[in-house]
All heavy atoms as atom14 arrays in JSON, in Angstrom:
{
  "sequence": "PWSGGTTYYTDSVKGRFTISRDNAKNTVYLQMNSLKPEDTAIYYCN",
  "atom14_mask": [
    [1, 1, 1, 1, 1, 1, 1, 0, 0, 0, 0, 0, 0, 0],
    [1, 1, 1, 1, 1, 1, 1, 1, 1, 1, 1, 1, 1, 1],
    [1, 1, 1, 1, 1, 1, 0, 0, 0, 0, 0, 0, 0, 0],
    [1, 1, 1, 1, 0, 0, 0, 0, 0, 0, 0, 0, 0, 0],
    [1, 1, 1, 1, 0, 0, 0, 0, 0, 0, 0, 0, 0, 0],
    [1, 1, 1, 1, 1, 1, 1, 0, 0, 0, 0, 0, 0, 0],
    [1, 1, 1, 1, 1, 1, 1, 0, 0, 0, 0, 0, 0, 0],
    [1, 1, 1, 1, 1, 1, 1, 1, 1, 1, 1, 1, 0, 0],
    [1, 1, 1, 1, 1, 1, 1, 1, 1, 1, 1, 1, 0, 0],
    [1, 1, 1, 1, 1, 1, 1, 0, 0, 0, 0, 0, 0, 0],
    [1, 1, 1, 1, 1, 1, 1, 1, 0, 0, 0, 0, 0, 0],
    [1, 1, 1, 1, 1, 1, 0, 0, 0, 0, 0, 0, 0, 0],
    [1, 1, 1, 1, 1, 1, 1, 0, 0, 0, 0, 0, 0, 0],
    [1, 1, 1, 1, 1, 1, 1, 1, 1, 0, 0, 0, 0, 0],
    [1, 1, 1, 1, 0, 0, 0, 0, 0, 0, 0, 0, 0, 0],
    [1, 1, 1, 1, 1, 1, 1, 1, 1, 1, 1, 0, 0, 0],
    [1, 1, 1, 1, 1, 1, 1, 1, 1, 1, 1, 0, 0, 0],
    [1, 1, 1, 1, 1, 1, 1, 0, 0, 0, 0, 0, 0, 0],
    [1, 1, 1, 1, 1, 1, 1, 1, 0, 0, 0, 0, 0, 0],
    [1, 1, 1, 1, 1, 1, 0, 0, 0, 0, 0, 0, 0, 0],
    [1, 1, 1, 1, 1, 1, 1, 1, 1, 1, 1, 0, 0, 0],
    [1, 1, 1, 1, 1, 1, 1, 1, 0, 0, 0, 0, 0, 0],
    [1, 1, 1, 1, 1, 1, 1, 1, 0, 0, 0, 0, 0, 0],
    [1, 1, 1, 1, 1, 0, 0, 0, 0, 0, 0, 0, 0, 0],
    [1, 1, 1, 1, 1, 1, 1, 1, 1, 0, 0, 0, 0, 0],
    [1, 1, 1, 1, 1, 1, 1, 1, 0, 0, 0, 0, 0, 0],
    [1, 1, 1, 1, 1, 1, 1, 0, 0, 0, 0, 0, 0, 0],
    [1, 1, 1, 1, 1, 1, 1, 0, 0, 0, 0, 0, 0, 0],
    [1, 1, 1, 1, 1, 1, 1, 1, 1, 1, 1, 1, 0, 0],
    [1, 1, 1, 1, 1, 1, 1, 1, 0, 0, 0, 0, 0, 0],
    [1, 1, 1, 1, 1, 1, 1, 1, 1, 0, 0, 0, 0, 0],
    [1, 1, 1, 1, 1, 1, 1, 1, 0, 0, 0, 0, 0, 0],
    [1, 1, 1, 1, 1, 1, 1, 1, 0, 0, 0, 0, 0, 0],
    [1, 1, 1, 1, 1, 1, 0, 0, 0, 0, 0, 0, 0, 0],
    [1, 1, 1, 1, 1, 1, 1, 1, 0, 0, 0, 0, 0, 0],
    [1, 1, 1, 1, 1, 1, 1, 1, 1, 0, 0, 0, 0, 0],
    [1, 1, 1, 1, 1, 1, 1, 0, 0, 0, 0, 0, 0, 0],
    [1, 1, 1, 1, 1, 1, 1, 1, 1, 0, 0, 0, 0, 0],
    [1, 1, 1, 1, 1, 1, 1, 1, 0, 0, 0, 0, 0, 0],
    [1, 1, 1, 1, 1, 1, 1, 0, 0, 0, 0, 0, 0, 0],
    [1, 1, 1, 1, 1, 0, 0, 0, 0, 0, 0, 0, 0, 0],
    [1, 1, 1, 1, 1, 1, 1, 1, 0, 0, 0, 0, 0, 0],
    [1, 1, 1, 1, 1, 1, 1, 1, 1, 1, 1, 1, 0, 0],
    [1, 1, 1, 1, 1, 1, 1, 1, 1, 1, 1, 1, 0, 0],
    [1, 1, 1, 1, 1, 1, 0, 0, 0, 0, 0, 0, 0, 0],
    [1, 1, 1, 1, 1, 1, 1, 1, 0, 0, 0, 0, 0, 0]
  ],
  "atom14_positions": [
    [[186.88, -61.85, -237.16], [188.08, -61.24, -236.6], [188.43, -59.98, -237.34], [188.31, -59.91, -238.57], [189.15, -62.33, -236.8], [188.39, -63.6, -236.98], [187.15, -63.22, -237.69], [0.0, 0.0, 0.0], [0.0, 0.0, 0.0], [0.0, 0.0, 0.0], [0.0, 0.0, 0.0], [0.0, 0.0, 0.0], [0.0, 0.0, 0.0], [0.0, 0.0, 0.0]],
    [[188.86, -58.96, -236.62], [189.24, -57.71, -237.26], [190.35, -57.93, -238.27], [190.35, -57.32, -239.35], [189.67, -56.68, -236.21], [189.95, -55.35, -236.81], [191.12, -54.88, -237.32], [188.99, -54.29, -236.99], [190.96, -53.62, -237.8], [189.66, -53.22, -237.61], [187.64, -54.15, -236.67], [189.03, -52.03, -237.93], [187.0, -52.97, -236.99], [187.69, -51.92, -237.61]],
    [[191.3, -58.78, -237.92], [192.45, -59.02, -238.78], [192.15, -59.96, -239.94], [193.03, -60.22, -240.76], [193.62, -59.57, -237.97], [193.26, -60.77, -237.32], [0.0, 0.0, 0.0], [0.0, 0.0, 0.0], [0.0, 0.0, 0.0], [0.0, 0.0, 0.0], [0.0, 0.0, 0.0], [0.0, 0.0, 0.0], [0.0, 0.0, 0.0], [0.0, 0.0, 0.0]],
    [[190.95, -60.46, -240.0], [190.57, -61.37, -241.06], [190.52, -62.81, -240.58], [191.25, -63.2, -239.68], [0.0, 0.0, 0.0], [0.0, 0.0, 0.0], [0.0, 0.0, 0.0], [0.0, 0.0, 0.0], [0.0, 0.0, 0.0], [0.0, 0.0, 0.0], [0.0, 0.0, 0.0], [0.0, 0.0, 0.0], [0.0, 0.0, 0.0], [0.0, 0.0, 0.0]],
    [[189.65, -63.56, -241.18], [189.49, -64.95, -240.82], [188.07, -65.41, -241.05], [187.31, -64.8, -241.79], [0.0, 0.0, 0.0], [0.0, 0.0, 0.0], [0.0, 0.0, 0.0], [0.0, 0.0, 0.0], [0.0, 0.0, 0.0], [0.0, 0.0, 0.0], [0.0, 0.0, 0.0], [0.0, 0.0, 0.0], [0.0, 0.0, 0.0], [0.0, 0.0, 0.0]],
    [[187.73, -66.48, -240.38], [186.44, -67.11, -240.56], [185.33, -66.27, -239.97], [185.41, -65.81, -238.84], [186.43, -68.5, -239.91], [187.48, -69.29, -240.46], [185.1, -69.19, -240.16], [0.0, 0.0, 0.0], [0.0, 0.0, 0.0], [0.0, 0.0, 0.0], [0.0, 0.0, 0.0], [0.0, 0.0, 0.0], [0.0, 0.0, 0.0], [0.0, 0.0, 0.0]],
    [[184.29, -66.07, -240.76], [183.11, -65.37, -240.29], [182.11, -66.35, -239.72], [182.1, -67.53, -240.05], [182.46, -64.56, -241.42], [182.14, -65.45, -242.51], [183.4, -63.48, -241.92], [0.0, 0.0, 0.0], [0.0, 0.0, 0.0], [0.0, 0.0, 0.0], [0.0, 0.0, 0.0], [0.0, 0.0, 0.0], [0.0, 0.0, 0.0], [0.0, 0.0, 0.0]],
    [[181.27, -65.83, -238.86], [180.21, -66.63, -238.26], [178.88, -65.94, -238.49], [178.78, -64.71, -238.39], [180.43, -66.8, -236.76], [179.2, -67.29, -236.03], [178.89, -68.65, -235.98], [178.33, -66.39, -235.43], [177.76, -69.09, -235.34], [177.19, -66.84, -234.78], [176.9, -68.19, -234.75], [175.77, -68.62, -234.12], [0.0, 0.0, 0.0], [0.0, 0.0, 0.0]],
    [[177.85, -66.73, -238.78], [176.49, -66.24, -238.88], [175.55, -67.19, -238.17], [175.69, -68.41, -238.3], [176.04, -66.12, -240.34], [176.87, -65.18, -241.17], [177.91, -65.65, -241.96], [176.6, -63.81, -241.17], [178.68, -64.78, -242.71], [177.36, -62.94, -241.92], [178.39, -63.43, -242.7], [179.15, -62.57, -243.45], [0.0, 0.0, 0.0], [0.0, 0.0, 0.0]],
    [[174.63, -66.63, -237.44], [173.6, -67.47, -236.87], [172.71, -68.0, -237.99], [172.56, -67.37, -239.04], [172.79, -66.7, -235.82], [171.97, -67.61, -235.08], [171.9, -65.65, -236.47], [0.0, 0.0, 0.0], [0.0, 0.0, 0.0], [0.0, 0.0, 0.0], [0.0, 0.0, 0.0], [0.0, 0.0, 0.0], [0.0, 0.0, 0.0], [0.0, 0.0, 0.0]],
    [[172.14, -69.17, -237.78], [171.43, -69.86, -238.85], [170.33, -69.01, -239.48], [170.09, -69.08, -240.69], [170.82, -71.17, -238.33], [171.86, -72.25, -238.11], [172.99, -72.1, -238.6], [171.53, -73.24, -237.43], [0.0, 0.0, 0.0], [0.0, 0.0, 0.0], [0.0, 0.0, 0.0], [0.0, 0.0, 0.0], [0.0, 0.0, 0.0], [0.0, 0.0, 0.0]],
    [[169.65, -68.22, -238.69], [168.5, -67.49, -239.19], [168.85, -66.39, -240.18], [167.97, -65.88, -240.88], [167.71, -66.89, -238.02], [168.5, -65.96, -237.3], [0.0, 0.0, 0.0], [0.0, 0.0, 0.0], [0.0, 0.0, 0.0], [0.0, 0.0, 0.0], [0.0, 0.0, 0.0], [0.0, 0.0, 0.0], [0.0, 0.0, 0.0], [0.0, 0.0, 0.0]],
    [[170.13, -66.0, -240.26], [170.52, -64.93, -241.17], [171.45, -65.39, -242.27], [171.8, -64.58, -243.15], [171.17, -63.75, -240.41], [170.29, -63.31, -239.25], [172.56, -64.1, -239.92], [0.0, 0.0, 0.0], [0.0, 0.0, 0.0], [0.0, 0.0, 0.0], [0.0, 0.0, 0.0], [0.0, 0.0, 0.0], [0.0, 0.0, 0.0], [0.0, 0.0, 0.0]],
    [[171.83, -66.65, -242.27], [172.74, -67.14, -243.29], [172.16, -66.96, -244.68], [171.0, -67.26, -244.93], [173.06, -68.62, -243.04], [173.98, -68.87, -241.87], [174.27, -70.36, -241.69], [175.21, -70.58, -240.53], [175.46, -72.03, -240.27], [0.0, 0.0, 0.0], [0.0, 0.0, 0.0], [0.0, 0.0, 0.0], [0.0, 0.0, 0.0], [0.0, 0.0, 0.0]],
    [[172.98, -66.45, -245.57], [172.55, -66.19, -246.93], [171.89, -64.85, -247.12], [171.66, -64.44, -248.26], [0.0, 0.0, 0.0], [0.0, 0.0, 0.0], [0.0, 0.0, 0.0], [0.0, 0.0, 0.0], [0.0, 0.0, 0.0], [0.0, 0.0, 0.0], [0.0, 0.0, 0.0], [0.0, 0.0, 0.0], [0.0, 0.0, 0.0], [0.0, 0.0, 0.0]],
    [[171.58, -64.16, -246.04], [170.92, -62.85, -246.12], [171.8, -61.71, -245.6], [171.73, -60.6, -246.12], [169.6, -62.86, -245.35], [168.61, -63.9, -245.85], [167.25, -63.72, -245.18], [167.32, -63.93, -243.73], [166.99, -63.02, -242.82], [166.57, -61.83, -243.21], [167.07, -63.3, -241.53], [0.0, 0.0, 0.0], [0.0, 0.0, 0.0], [0.0, 0.0, 0.0]],
    [[172.57, -61.99, -244.56], [173.4, -60.96, -243.93], [174.86, -61.2, -244.26], [175.31, -62.35, -244.4], [173.24, -60.99, -242.41], [171.92, -60.51, -241.9], [170.84, -60.31, -242.74], [171.76, -60.28, -240.54], [169.61, -59.87, -242.24], [170.55, -59.85, -240.03], [169.47, -59.65, -240.88], [0.0, 0.0, 0.0], [0.0, 0.0, 0.0], [0.0, 0.0, 0.0]],
    [[175.63, -60.13, -244.34], [177.06, -60.21, -244.57], [177.78, -59.23, -243.67], [177.47, -58.04, -243.66], [177.41, -59.9, -246.03], [176.71, -60.78, -246.91], [178.91, -60.08, -246.26], [0.0, 0.0, 0.0], [0.0, 0.0, 0.0], [0.0, 0.0, 0.0], [0.0, 0.0, 0.0], [0.0, 0.0, 0.0], [0.0, 0.0, 0.0], [0.0, 0.0, 0.0]],
    [[178.75, -59.73, -242.91], [179.57, -58.86, -242.09], [180.86, -58.57, -242.84], [181.43, -59.45, -243.49], [179.86, -59.48, -240.7], [180.56, -58.48, -239.78], [180.66, -60.78, -240.83], [180.64, -58.95, -238.33], [0.0, 0.0, 0.0], [0.0, 0.0, 0.0], [0.0, 0.0, 0.0], [0.0, 0.0, 0.0], [0.0, 0.0, 0.0], [0.0, 0.0, 0.0]],
    [[181.31, -57.34, -242.78], [182.53, -56.94, -243.46], [183.18, -55.81, -242.68], [182.63, -55.31, -241.7], [182.24, -56.51, -244.91], [181.39, -55.38, -244.95], [0.0, 0.0, 0.0], [0.0, 0.0, 0.0], [0.0, 0.0, 0.0], [0.0, 0.0, 0.0], [0.0, 0.0, 0.0], [0.0, 0.0, 0.0], [0.0, 0.0, 0.0], [0.0, 0.0, 0.0]],
    [[184.35, -55.4, -243.13], [185.08, -54.36, -242.43], [185.87, -53.51, -243.42], [186.2, -53.96, -244.51], [186.04, -54.96, -241.39], [187.13, -55.82, -242.01], [187.78, -56.74, -241.0], [188.83, -57.53, -241.64], [188.61, -58.63, -242.34], [187.37, -59.1, -242.49], [189.62, -59.29, -242.9], [0.0, 0.0, 0.0], [0.0, 0.0, 0.0], [0.0, 0.0, 0.0]],
    [[186.15, -52.29, -243.01], [186.99, -51.37, -243.76], [188.07, -50.91, -242.8], [187.82, -50.07, -241.94], [186.17, -50.2, -244.29], [186.97, -49.29, -245.2], [188.2, -49.17, -245.02], [186.38, -48.67, -246.1], [0.0, 0.0, 0.0], [0.0, 0.0, 0.0], [0.0, 0.0, 0.0], [0.0, 0.0, 0.0], [0.0, 0.0, 0.0], [0.0, 0.0, 0.0]],
    [[189.25, -51.47, -242.93], [190.32, -51.18, -241.99], [190.72, -49.7, -242.0], [191.02, -49.13, -240.95], [191.55, -52.04, -242.3], [191.33, -53.5, -242.01], [190.34, -53.88, -241.39], [192.25, -54.34, -242.45], [0.0, 0.0, 0.0], [0.0, 0.0, 0.0], [0.0, 0.0, 0.0], [0.0, 0.0, 0.0], [0.0, 0.0, 0.0], [0.0, 0.0, 0.0]],
    [[190.72, -49.09, -243.17], [191.11, -47.69, -243.27], [190.16, -46.78, -242.51], [190.55, -45.74, -242.0], [191.2, -47.27, -244.73], [0.0, 0.0, 0.0], [0.0, 0.0, 0.0], [0.0, 0.0, 0.0], [0.0, 0.0, 0.0], [0.0, 0.0, 0.0], [0.0, 0.0, 0.0], [0.0, 0.0, 0.0], [0.0, 0.0, 0.0], [0.0, 0.0, 0.0]],
    [[188.9, -47.17, -242.45], [187.9, -46.36, -241.77], [187.6, -46.85, -240.36], [186.77, -46.25, -239.67], [186.61, -46.34, -242.58], [186.74, -45.68, -243.94], [185.4, -45.66, -244.67], [185.53, -44.97, -246.01], [184.23, -44.96, -246.74], [0.0, 0.0, 0.0], [0.0, 0.0, 0.0], [0.0, 0.0, 0.0], [0.0, 0.0, 0.0], [0.0, 0.0, 0.0]],
    [[188.26, -47.93, -239.94], [187.98, -48.53, -238.64], [186.49, -48.78, -238.45], [185.91, -48.46, -237.4], [188.53, -47.66, -237.5], [189.81, -48.2, -236.91], [190.64, -48.78, -237.62], [190.0, -48.01, -235.62], [0.0, 0.0, 0.0], [0.0, 0.0, 0.0], [0.0, 0.0, 0.0], [0.0, 0.0, 0.0], [0.0, 0.0, 0.0], [0.0, 0.0, 0.0]],
    [[185.89, -49.35, -239.46], [184.45, -49.53, -239.47], [184.09, -50.96, -239.84], [184.7, -51.55, -240.74], [183.8, -48.56, -240.46], [184.11, -47.21, -240.08], [182.29, -48.73, -240.47], [0.0, 0.0, 0.0], [0.0, 0.0, 0.0], [0.0, 0.0, 0.0], [0.0, 0.0, 0.0], [0.0, 0.0, 0.0], [0.0, 0.0, 0.0], [0.0, 0.0, 0.0]],
    [[183.12, -51.49, -239.13], [182.56, -52.8, -239.41], [181.13, -52.62, -239.9], [180.4, -51.76, -239.38], [182.59, -53.7, -238.16], [181.97, -55.06, -238.45], [184.01, -53.87, -237.66], [0.0, 0.0, 0.0], [0.0, 0.0, 0.0], [0.0, 0.0, 0.0], [0.0, 0.0, 0.0], [0.0, 0.0, 0.0], [0.0, 0.0, 0.0], [0.0, 0.0, 0.0]],
    [[180.75, -53.4, -240.88], [179.44, -53.28, -241.49], [178.64, -54.57, -241.33], [179.19, -55.66, -241.2], [179.55, -52.97, -242.98], [180.35, -51.74, -243.29], [181.7, -51.83, -243.64], [179.77, -50.48, -243.25], [182.44, -50.7, -243.93], [180.51, -49.34, -243.54], [181.84, -49.46, -243.88], [182.57, -48.33, -244.17], [0.0, 0.0, 0.0], [0.0, 0.0, 0.0]],
    [[177.35, -54.42, -241.35], [176.45, -55.55, -241.47], [175.46, -55.24, -242.57], [174.57, -54.4, -242.4], [175.72, -55.84, -240.16], [174.85, -57.1, -240.17], [175.72, -58.35, -240.27], [173.96, -57.17, -238.94], [0.0, 0.0, 0.0], [0.0, 0.0, 0.0], [0.0, 0.0, 0.0], [0.0, 0.0, 0.0], [0.0, 0.0, 0.0], [0.0, 0.0, 0.0]],
    [[175.65, -55.88, -243.71], [174.72, -55.74, -244.81], [173.58, -56.72, -244.61], [173.81, -57.93, -244.49], [175.41, -56.02, -246.14], [174.5, -55.93, -247.36], [174.0, -54.53, -247.61], [174.77, -53.58, -247.58], [172.7, -54.39, -247.86], [0.0, 0.0, 0.0], [0.0, 0.0, 0.0], [0.0, 0.0, 0.0], [0.0, 0.0, 0.0], [0.0, 0.0, 0.0]],
    [[172.37, -56.22, -244.55], [171.2, -57.04, -244.28], [170.27, -56.97, -245.48], [169.72, -55.91, -245.79], [170.49, -56.56, -243.02], [171.39, -56.51, -241.79], [170.48, -56.09, -240.28], [169.97, -54.42, -240.67], [0.0, 0.0, 0.0], [0.0, 0.0, 0.0], [0.0, 0.0, 0.0], [0.0, 0.0, 0.0], [0.0, 0.0, 0.0], [0.0, 0.0, 0.0]],
    [[170.1, -58.09, -246.14], [169.23, -58.2, -247.3], [168.06, -59.12, -246.98], [168.1, -59.91, -246.04], [169.99, -58.73, -248.51], [171.12, -57.83, -248.95], [171.03, -56.61, -248.85], [172.19, -58.43, -249.46], [0.0, 0.0, 0.0], [0.0, 0.0, 0.0], [0.0, 0.0, 0.0], [0.0, 0.0, 0.0], [0.0, 0.0, 0.0], [0.0, 0.0, 0.0]],
    [[167.03, -59.02, -247.8], [165.84, -59.87, -247.65], [165.34, -59.86, -246.21], [165.06, -60.9, -245.61], [166.15, -61.3, -248.1], [166.58, -61.34, -249.44], [0.0, 0.0, 0.0], [0.0, 0.0, 0.0], [0.0, 0.0, 0.0], [0.0, 0.0, 0.0], [0.0, 0.0, 0.0], [0.0, 0.0, 0.0], [0.0, 0.0, 0.0], [0.0, 0.0, 0.0]],
    [[165.2, -58.68, -245.68], [164.83, -58.54, -244.27], [163.43, -59.08, -244.01], [162.53, -58.96, -244.84], [164.92, -57.08, -243.85], [166.35, -56.6, -243.59], [166.42, -55.08, -243.61], [166.86, -57.15, -242.25], [0.0, 0.0, 0.0], [0.0, 0.0, 0.0], [0.0, 0.0, 0.0], [0.0, 0.0, 0.0], [0.0, 0.0, 0.0], [0.0, 0.0, 0.0]],
    [[163.28, -59.65, -242.84], [162.03, -60.23, -242.39], [161.57, -59.53, -241.12], [162.39, -59.0, -240.38], [162.21, -61.73, -242.11], [162.75, -62.53, -243.27], [163.02, -63.97, -242.86], [163.59, -64.78, -244.01], [163.88, -66.18, -243.6], [0.0, 0.0, 0.0], [0.0, 0.0, 0.0], [0.0, 0.0, 0.0], [0.0, 0.0, 0.0], [0.0, 0.0, 0.0]],
    [[160.27, -59.55, -240.84], [159.8, -58.93, -239.6], [160.49, -59.47, -238.35], [160.7, -58.71, -237.4], [158.3, -59.27, -239.6], [157.95, -59.35, -241.04], [159.15, -59.98, -241.7], [0.0, 0.0, 0.0], [0.0, 0.0, 0.0], [0.0, 0.0, 0.0], [0.0, 0.0, 0.0], [0.0, 0.0, 0.0], [0.0, 0.0, 0.0], [0.0, 0.0, 0.0]],
    [[160.87, -60.74, -238.36], [161.54, -61.31, -237.21], [162.97, -60.79, -237.02], [163.61, -61.08, -236.01], [161.55, -62.85, -237.28], [162.07, -63.41, -238.59], [160.94, -63.77, -239.54], [159.99, -62.98, -239.67], [161.01, -64.86, -240.15], [0.0, 0.0, 0.0], [0.0, 0.0, 0.0], [0.0, 0.0, 0.0], [0.0, 0.0, 0.0], [0.0, 0.0, 0.0]],
    [[163.47, -60.02, -237.98], [164.76, -59.37, -237.82], [164.66, -58.09, -237.0], [165.68, -57.49, -236.66], [165.38, -59.03, -239.18], [165.72, -60.27, -239.99], [166.24, -61.24, -239.41], [165.48, -60.25, -241.21], [0.0, 0.0, 0.0], [0.0, 0.0, 0.0], [0.0, 0.0, 0.0], [0.0, 0.0, 0.0], [0.0, 0.0, 0.0], [0.0, 0.0, 0.0]],
    [[163.46, -57.67, -236.7], [163.25, -56.46, -235.92], [163.89, -56.59, -234.54], [163.62, -57.53, -233.8], [161.75, -56.16, -235.76], [161.19, -55.89, -237.05], [161.53, -54.96, -234.85], [0.0, 0.0, 0.0], [0.0, 0.0, 0.0], [0.0, 0.0, 0.0], [0.0, 0.0, 0.0], [0.0, 0.0, 0.0], [0.0, 0.0, 0.0], [0.0, 0.0, 0.0]],
    [[164.76, -55.65, -234.22], [165.51, -55.7, -232.96], [166.38, -54.46, -232.87], [166.52, -53.7, -233.83], [166.38, -56.96, -232.89], [0.0, 0.0, 0.0], [0.0, 0.0, 0.0], [0.0, 0.0, 0.0], [0.0, 0.0, 0.0], [0.0, 0.0, 0.0], [0.0, 0.0, 0.0], [0.0, 0.0, 0.0], [0.0, 0.0, 0.0], [0.0, 0.0, 0.0]],
    [[166.97, -54.27, -231.7], [168.06, -53.33, -231.57], [169.34, -54.08, -231.88], [169.59, -55.14, -231.31], [168.13, -52.71, -230.16], [166.82, -51.99, -229.84], [169.3, -51.75, -230.06], [166.77, -51.46, -228.41], [0.0, 0.0, 0.0], [0.0, 0.0, 0.0], [0.0, 0.0, 0.0], [0.0, 0.0, 0.0], [0.0, 0.0, 0.0], [0.0, 0.0, 0.0]],
    [[170.13, -53.53, -232.77], [171.37, -54.16, -233.19], [172.55, -53.45, -232.54], [172.64, -52.22, -232.58], [171.5, -54.13, -234.71], [170.64, -55.15, -235.4], [169.26, -55.0, -235.44], [171.19, -56.29, -235.99], [168.46, -55.95, -236.05], [170.39, -57.24, -236.6], [169.03, -57.06, -236.63], [168.23, -58.01, -237.24], [0.0, 0.0, 0.0], [0.0, 0.0, 0.0]],
    [[173.43, -54.25, -231.95], [174.57, -53.73, -231.21], [175.88, -54.19, -231.84], [176.02, -55.35, -232.21], [174.56, -54.22, -229.77], [173.36, -53.78, -228.96], [172.21, -54.55, -228.92], [173.4, -52.6, -228.23], [171.11, -54.16, -228.18], [172.31, -52.2, -227.48], [171.17, -52.99, -227.46], [170.09, -52.6, -226.71], [0.0, 0.0, 0.0], [0.0, 0.0, 0.0]],
    [[176.82, -53.28, -231.91], [178.17, -53.61, -232.31], [178.97, -54.05, -231.09], [178.81, -53.48, -230.0], [178.83, -52.39, -232.96], [180.5, -52.68, -233.58], [0.0, 0.0, 0.0], [0.0, 0.0, 0.0], [0.0, 0.0, 0.0], [0.0, 0.0, 0.0], [0.0, 0.0, 0.0], [0.0, 0.0, 0.0], [0.0, 0.0, 0.0], [0.0, 0.0, 0.0]],
    [[179.8, -55.04, -231.27], [180.58, -55.6, -230.17], [182.02, -55.83, -230.6], [182.27, -56.26, -231.73], [179.96, -56.93, -229.71], [180.86, -57.7, -228.76], [181.67, -58.54, -229.19], [180.73, -57.43, -227.47], [0.0, 0.0, 0.0], [0.0, 0.0, 0.0], [0.0, 0.0, 0.0], [0.0, 0.0, 0.0], [0.0, 0.0, 0.0], [0.0, 0.0, 0.0]]
  ]
}
């Protein structure tokens, strides 16, 4: 949630990806660590 709350991650990215936000910049981030070939995709913000 933009206003804060519980985050959700699909099982395949748990422990590797982190979603966060910067309210001042109106920006949402997805930090992706330990990337795997199966992470290859087009990523969309929603």
